[in-house]
N, C-alpha and C. Protein backbone atom coordinates (compact mmCIF):
# COMPACT_ATOMS: atom_id res chain seq x y z
N MET A 1 6.76 -0.07 -12.78
CA MET A 1 5.46 -0.82 -12.57
C MET A 1 4.75 -0.47 -11.40
N ALA A 2 5.66 -0.05 -10.28
CA ALA A 2 5.02 0.35 -9.09
C ALA A 2 4.24 1.57 -9.23
N ALA A 3 4.79 2.46 -9.84
CA ALA A 3 4.03 3.79 -9.90
C ALA A 3 2.65 3.50 -10.75
N ARG A 4 2.65 2.76 -11.87
CA ARG A 4 1.41 2.48 -12.49
C ARG A 4 0.49 1.70 -11.83
N LYS A 5 0.95 0.75 -10.87
CA LYS A 5 0.00 0.12 -9.98
C LYS A 5 -0.67 0.75 -8.89
N LEU A 6 0.11 1.87 -8.54
CA LEU A 6 -0.41 2.64 -7.37
C LEU A 6 -1.20 3.82 -7.81
N GLU A 7 -1.41 4.10 -9.05
CA GLU A 7 -2.32 5.20 -9.56
C GLU A 7 -3.68 4.99 -9.09
N ALA A 8 -4.25 3.86 -9.12
CA ALA A 8 -5.66 3.60 -8.64
C ALA A 8 -5.83 3.97 -7.20
N VAL A 9 -4.77 3.55 -6.36
CA VAL A 9 -4.78 3.93 -4.87
C VAL A 9 -4.73 5.38 -4.67
N ALA A 10 -3.89 6.13 -5.48
CA ALA A 10 -3.64 7.47 -5.29
C ALA A 10 -4.87 8.41 -5.35
N ARG A 11 -6.01 7.88 -6.22
CA ARG A 11 -7.20 8.58 -6.32
C ARG A 11 -7.86 8.50 -4.97
N LEU A 12 -7.74 7.63 -4.11
CA LEU A 12 -8.50 7.47 -2.83
C LEU A 12 -7.89 8.22 -1.72
N LEU A 13 -6.62 8.88 -1.85
CA LEU A 13 -5.91 9.43 -0.93
C LEU A 13 -5.70 10.95 -1.06
N PRO A 14 -5.35 11.74 0.04
CA PRO A 14 -5.08 13.16 -0.16
C PRO A 14 -4.08 13.29 -1.26
N PRO A 15 -3.72 14.53 -1.83
CA PRO A 15 -2.71 14.69 -2.92
C PRO A 15 -1.46 14.83 -2.18
N ASP A 16 -1.38 15.15 -0.96
CA ASP A 16 0.03 15.24 -0.23
C ASP A 16 0.50 13.79 0.19
N ALA A 17 -0.13 12.68 -0.02
CA ALA A 17 0.22 11.44 0.46
C ALA A 17 1.50 10.97 -0.20
N THR A 18 2.33 10.29 0.50
CA THR A 18 3.73 9.74 -0.15
C THR A 18 3.66 8.34 -0.12
N ALA A 19 4.29 7.58 -1.07
CA ALA A 19 4.33 6.27 -0.92
C ALA A 19 5.70 5.63 -1.09
N ASP A 20 6.24 4.72 -0.31
CA ASP A 20 7.44 4.03 -0.49
C ASP A 20 7.21 2.60 -0.78
N VAL A 21 7.92 2.08 -1.86
CA VAL A 21 7.92 0.77 -2.22
C VAL A 21 9.36 0.11 -2.17
N GLU A 22 9.30 -1.08 -1.45
CA GLU A 22 10.65 -1.82 -1.32
C GLU A 22 10.32 -3.20 -1.79
N PHE A 23 11.47 -3.67 -2.47
CA PHE A 23 11.50 -4.96 -3.00
C PHE A 23 12.58 -5.68 -2.40
N SER A 24 12.31 -6.89 -1.91
CA SER A 24 13.49 -7.75 -1.23
C SER A 24 13.35 -9.07 -1.84
N LYS A 25 14.39 -9.96 -1.31
CA LYS A 25 14.38 -11.26 -1.58
C LYS A 25 14.61 -12.13 -0.49
N GLU A 26 13.74 -13.09 -0.02
CA GLU A 26 13.99 -13.92 1.02
C GLU A 26 15.34 -14.87 0.66
N ARG A 27 16.00 -15.14 1.70
CA ARG A 27 17.30 -15.88 1.39
C ARG A 27 17.09 -17.42 1.70
N ASN A 28 15.92 -17.81 2.50
CA ASN A 28 15.74 -19.12 2.85
C ASN A 28 15.39 -19.92 1.66
N PRO A 29 16.15 -21.00 1.36
CA PRO A 29 15.96 -21.75 0.13
C PRO A 29 14.36 -22.50 0.21
N ARG A 30 14.07 -22.76 1.40
CA ARG A 30 12.78 -23.68 1.54
C ARG A 30 11.49 -22.78 1.20
N ILE A 31 11.67 -21.42 1.02
CA ILE A 31 10.56 -20.57 1.00
C ILE A 31 10.34 -20.50 -0.53
N LYS A 32 9.20 -20.81 -1.19
CA LYS A 32 8.84 -20.85 -2.55
C LYS A 32 8.68 -19.52 -2.99
N GLN A 33 7.91 -18.63 -2.30
CA GLN A 33 7.74 -17.39 -2.55
C GLN A 33 8.73 -16.32 -1.94
N ARG A 34 9.66 -16.19 -2.58
CA ARG A 34 10.83 -15.49 -2.04
C ARG A 34 10.91 -14.04 -2.44
N ASN A 35 10.17 -13.54 -3.44
CA ASN A 35 10.07 -12.08 -3.84
C ASN A 35 9.16 -11.50 -3.00
N VAL A 36 9.48 -10.46 -2.30
CA VAL A 36 8.67 -9.64 -1.28
C VAL A 36 8.50 -8.28 -1.80
N ALA A 37 7.32 -7.63 -1.67
CA ALA A 37 7.08 -6.33 -1.97
C ALA A 37 6.42 -5.69 -0.78
N GLU A 38 6.92 -4.52 -0.24
CA GLU A 38 6.34 -3.80 0.71
C GLU A 38 6.07 -2.44 0.41
N ILE A 39 4.77 -2.10 0.72
CA ILE A 39 4.31 -0.74 0.38
C ILE A 39 3.96 0.06 1.69
N THR A 40 4.53 1.20 1.88
CA THR A 40 4.08 2.05 2.92
C THR A 40 3.70 3.58 2.42
N ILE A 41 2.44 3.95 2.75
CA ILE A 41 1.83 5.19 2.49
C ILE A 41 1.82 6.03 3.61
N MET A 42 2.04 7.32 3.64
CA MET A 42 1.98 8.12 4.67
C MET A 42 0.92 9.24 4.16
N ALA A 43 -0.20 9.30 4.84
CA ALA A 43 -1.29 10.20 4.33
C ALA A 43 -1.87 11.11 5.44
N ARG A 44 -1.37 12.16 5.69
CA ARG A 44 -1.86 13.20 6.74
C ARG A 44 -1.93 12.38 8.19
N GLY A 45 -0.75 11.95 8.63
CA GLY A 45 -0.65 11.38 9.79
C GLY A 45 -1.06 9.98 9.92
N LYS A 46 -1.72 9.33 9.00
CA LYS A 46 -2.07 7.89 9.00
C LYS A 46 -1.01 7.09 8.09
N VAL A 47 -0.71 5.98 8.61
CA VAL A 47 0.36 5.12 7.77
C VAL A 47 -0.48 3.76 7.35
N LEU A 48 -0.44 3.53 6.17
CA LEU A 48 -1.05 2.43 5.51
C LEU A 48 0.22 1.44 4.94
N ARG A 49 0.07 0.23 5.32
CA ARG A 49 1.29 -0.70 5.08
C ARG A 49 0.71 -1.97 4.41
N ALA A 50 1.37 -2.59 3.44
CA ALA A 50 0.97 -3.78 2.91
C ALA A 50 2.25 -4.46 2.67
N ARG A 51 2.36 -5.75 2.89
CA ARG A 51 3.48 -6.61 2.63
C ARG A 51 3.01 -7.86 1.99
N ALA A 52 3.55 -8.35 0.69
CA ALA A 52 3.02 -9.57 0.14
C ALA A 52 4.35 -10.27 -0.49
N ALA A 53 4.32 -11.47 -0.58
CA ALA A 53 5.33 -12.26 -1.33
C ALA A 53 4.70 -13.04 -2.52
N GLY A 54 5.55 -13.39 -3.31
CA GLY A 54 5.14 -14.18 -4.49
C GLY A 54 6.40 -14.82 -5.17
N THR A 55 6.10 -15.54 -6.34
CA THR A 55 7.20 -16.32 -7.03
C THR A 55 8.07 -15.27 -7.82
N ALA A 56 7.28 -14.09 -8.33
CA ALA A 56 7.88 -13.15 -9.09
C ALA A 56 7.57 -11.87 -8.33
N PHE A 57 8.42 -10.81 -8.65
CA PHE A 57 8.11 -9.49 -8.17
C PHE A 57 6.87 -8.94 -8.56
N SER A 58 6.49 -9.22 -9.74
CA SER A 58 5.28 -8.64 -10.12
C SER A 58 3.90 -9.31 -9.49
N ASP A 59 4.05 -10.52 -9.07
CA ASP A 59 3.09 -11.34 -8.30
C ASP A 59 2.92 -10.51 -6.97
N ALA A 60 4.08 -10.35 -6.25
CA ALA A 60 4.12 -9.78 -4.94
C ALA A 60 3.49 -8.39 -4.98
N MET A 61 3.73 -7.67 -6.09
CA MET A 61 3.33 -6.28 -6.13
C MET A 61 1.83 -6.30 -6.32
N VAL A 62 1.45 -7.09 -7.14
CA VAL A 62 -0.07 -7.22 -7.39
C VAL A 62 -0.84 -7.55 -5.95
N HIS A 63 -0.40 -8.23 -5.10
CA HIS A 63 -1.03 -8.73 -4.04
C HIS A 63 -0.91 -7.58 -2.97
N ALA A 64 0.38 -6.93 -2.89
CA ALA A 64 0.55 -5.88 -1.96
C ALA A 64 -0.37 -4.66 -2.32
N VAL A 65 -0.53 -4.45 -3.66
CA VAL A 65 -1.41 -3.28 -3.92
C VAL A 65 -2.91 -3.45 -3.78
N ARG A 66 -3.15 -4.78 -3.85
CA ARG A 66 -4.77 -5.24 -3.54
C ARG A 66 -4.87 -5.00 -2.05
N ASN A 67 -3.91 -5.34 -1.18
CA ASN A 67 -4.08 -5.01 0.20
C ASN A 67 -4.19 -3.62 0.68
N VAL A 68 -3.22 -2.77 0.17
CA VAL A 68 -3.13 -1.42 0.52
C VAL A 68 -4.46 -0.61 -0.11
N ARG A 69 -4.85 -1.08 -1.24
CA ARG A 69 -6.06 -0.42 -1.81
C ARG A 69 -7.26 -0.72 -1.03
N GLN A 70 -7.39 -1.78 -0.36
CA GLN A 70 -8.42 -2.00 0.55
C GLN A 70 -8.40 -1.16 1.72
N GLU A 71 -7.20 -0.91 2.31
CA GLU A 71 -6.83 -0.15 3.45
C GLU A 71 -7.24 1.52 3.12
N ALA A 72 -6.68 1.81 1.96
CA ALA A 72 -7.13 3.15 1.43
C ALA A 72 -8.55 3.54 1.18
N SER A 73 -9.19 2.48 0.66
CA SER A 73 -10.68 2.56 0.55
C SER A 73 -11.38 2.75 1.84
N ASP A 74 -10.98 1.81 2.76
CA ASP A 74 -11.64 2.08 4.11
C ASP A 74 -11.48 3.42 4.77
N LEU A 75 -10.15 3.86 4.65
CA LEU A 75 -9.81 5.15 4.97
C LEU A 75 -10.65 6.27 4.27
N HIS A 76 -10.69 6.25 3.04
CA HIS A 76 -11.50 6.98 2.21
C HIS A 76 -12.92 7.12 2.60
N HIS A 77 -13.50 5.98 2.85
CA HIS A 77 -14.89 5.99 3.25
C HIS A 77 -15.17 6.49 4.67
N ARG A 78 -14.21 6.18 5.60
CA ARG A 78 -14.25 6.79 6.91
C ARG A 78 -14.31 8.28 6.86
N ARG A 79 -13.51 8.97 6.05
CA ARG A 79 -13.30 10.27 6.03
C ARG A 79 -14.58 10.88 5.39
N ARG A 80 -15.13 10.20 4.51
CA ARG A 80 -16.43 10.71 3.80
C ARG A 80 -17.62 10.63 4.70
N ALA A 81 -17.53 9.53 5.73
CA ALA A 81 -18.82 9.27 6.61
C ALA A 81 -18.67 10.35 7.86
N HIS A 82 -17.48 10.64 8.17
CA HIS A 82 -17.38 11.46 9.48
C HIS A 82 -16.37 12.47 8.99
N PRO A 83 -16.85 13.53 8.28
CA PRO A 83 -15.75 14.51 7.85
C PRO A 83 -14.93 15.27 8.94
N HIS A 84 -15.48 15.45 10.20
CA HIS A 84 -14.78 16.13 11.19
C HIS A 84 -13.97 15.26 12.19
N ARG A 85 -14.05 14.00 11.88
CA ARG A 85 -13.21 12.86 12.70
C ARG A 85 -12.28 12.34 11.82
N GLY A 86 -11.35 11.75 12.32
CA GLY A 86 -10.30 10.95 11.65
C GLY A 86 -8.96 11.66 11.23
N LEU A 87 -8.77 11.88 10.01
CA LEU A 87 -7.58 12.80 9.69
C LEU A 87 -7.58 14.16 10.09
N LYS A 88 -6.37 14.56 10.65
CA LYS A 88 -6.23 15.86 11.02
C LYS A 88 -4.97 16.41 10.14
N ALA A 89 -5.00 17.69 9.71
CA ALA A 89 -3.93 18.24 8.98
C ALA A 89 -2.59 18.19 9.94
N ALA A 90 -1.54 17.73 9.34
CA ALA A 90 -0.33 17.56 9.97
C ALA A 90 0.43 18.85 9.97
C-alpha cells in the first residue's frame, strides 16, 4: 500500500531519492487516533518528512502522503524556478 501511494510523489522527485515508511501504534489508551505513519524521503541532500495519525493505518498513510506530496511539490517547483539554486548533487 505504501509503495502504491508514494508513486505520485516519486514523479516529483529525482530518480535517486529514497523513501522510508514506518508504522507504529501509540500505547496511550486515551488517544483515539493510535495508528501512526511516518514518511522520510531523502532527495539529493534534502530531507522531506511527514507524520500523521489515524484510526487505521490506511487513514494515517493517506494523510502522511498528502503532507509529503505538498513538500515534494514545493521542492519541485523551487528547482524549476531557480535551476542553479537549491539542490546540489551529493
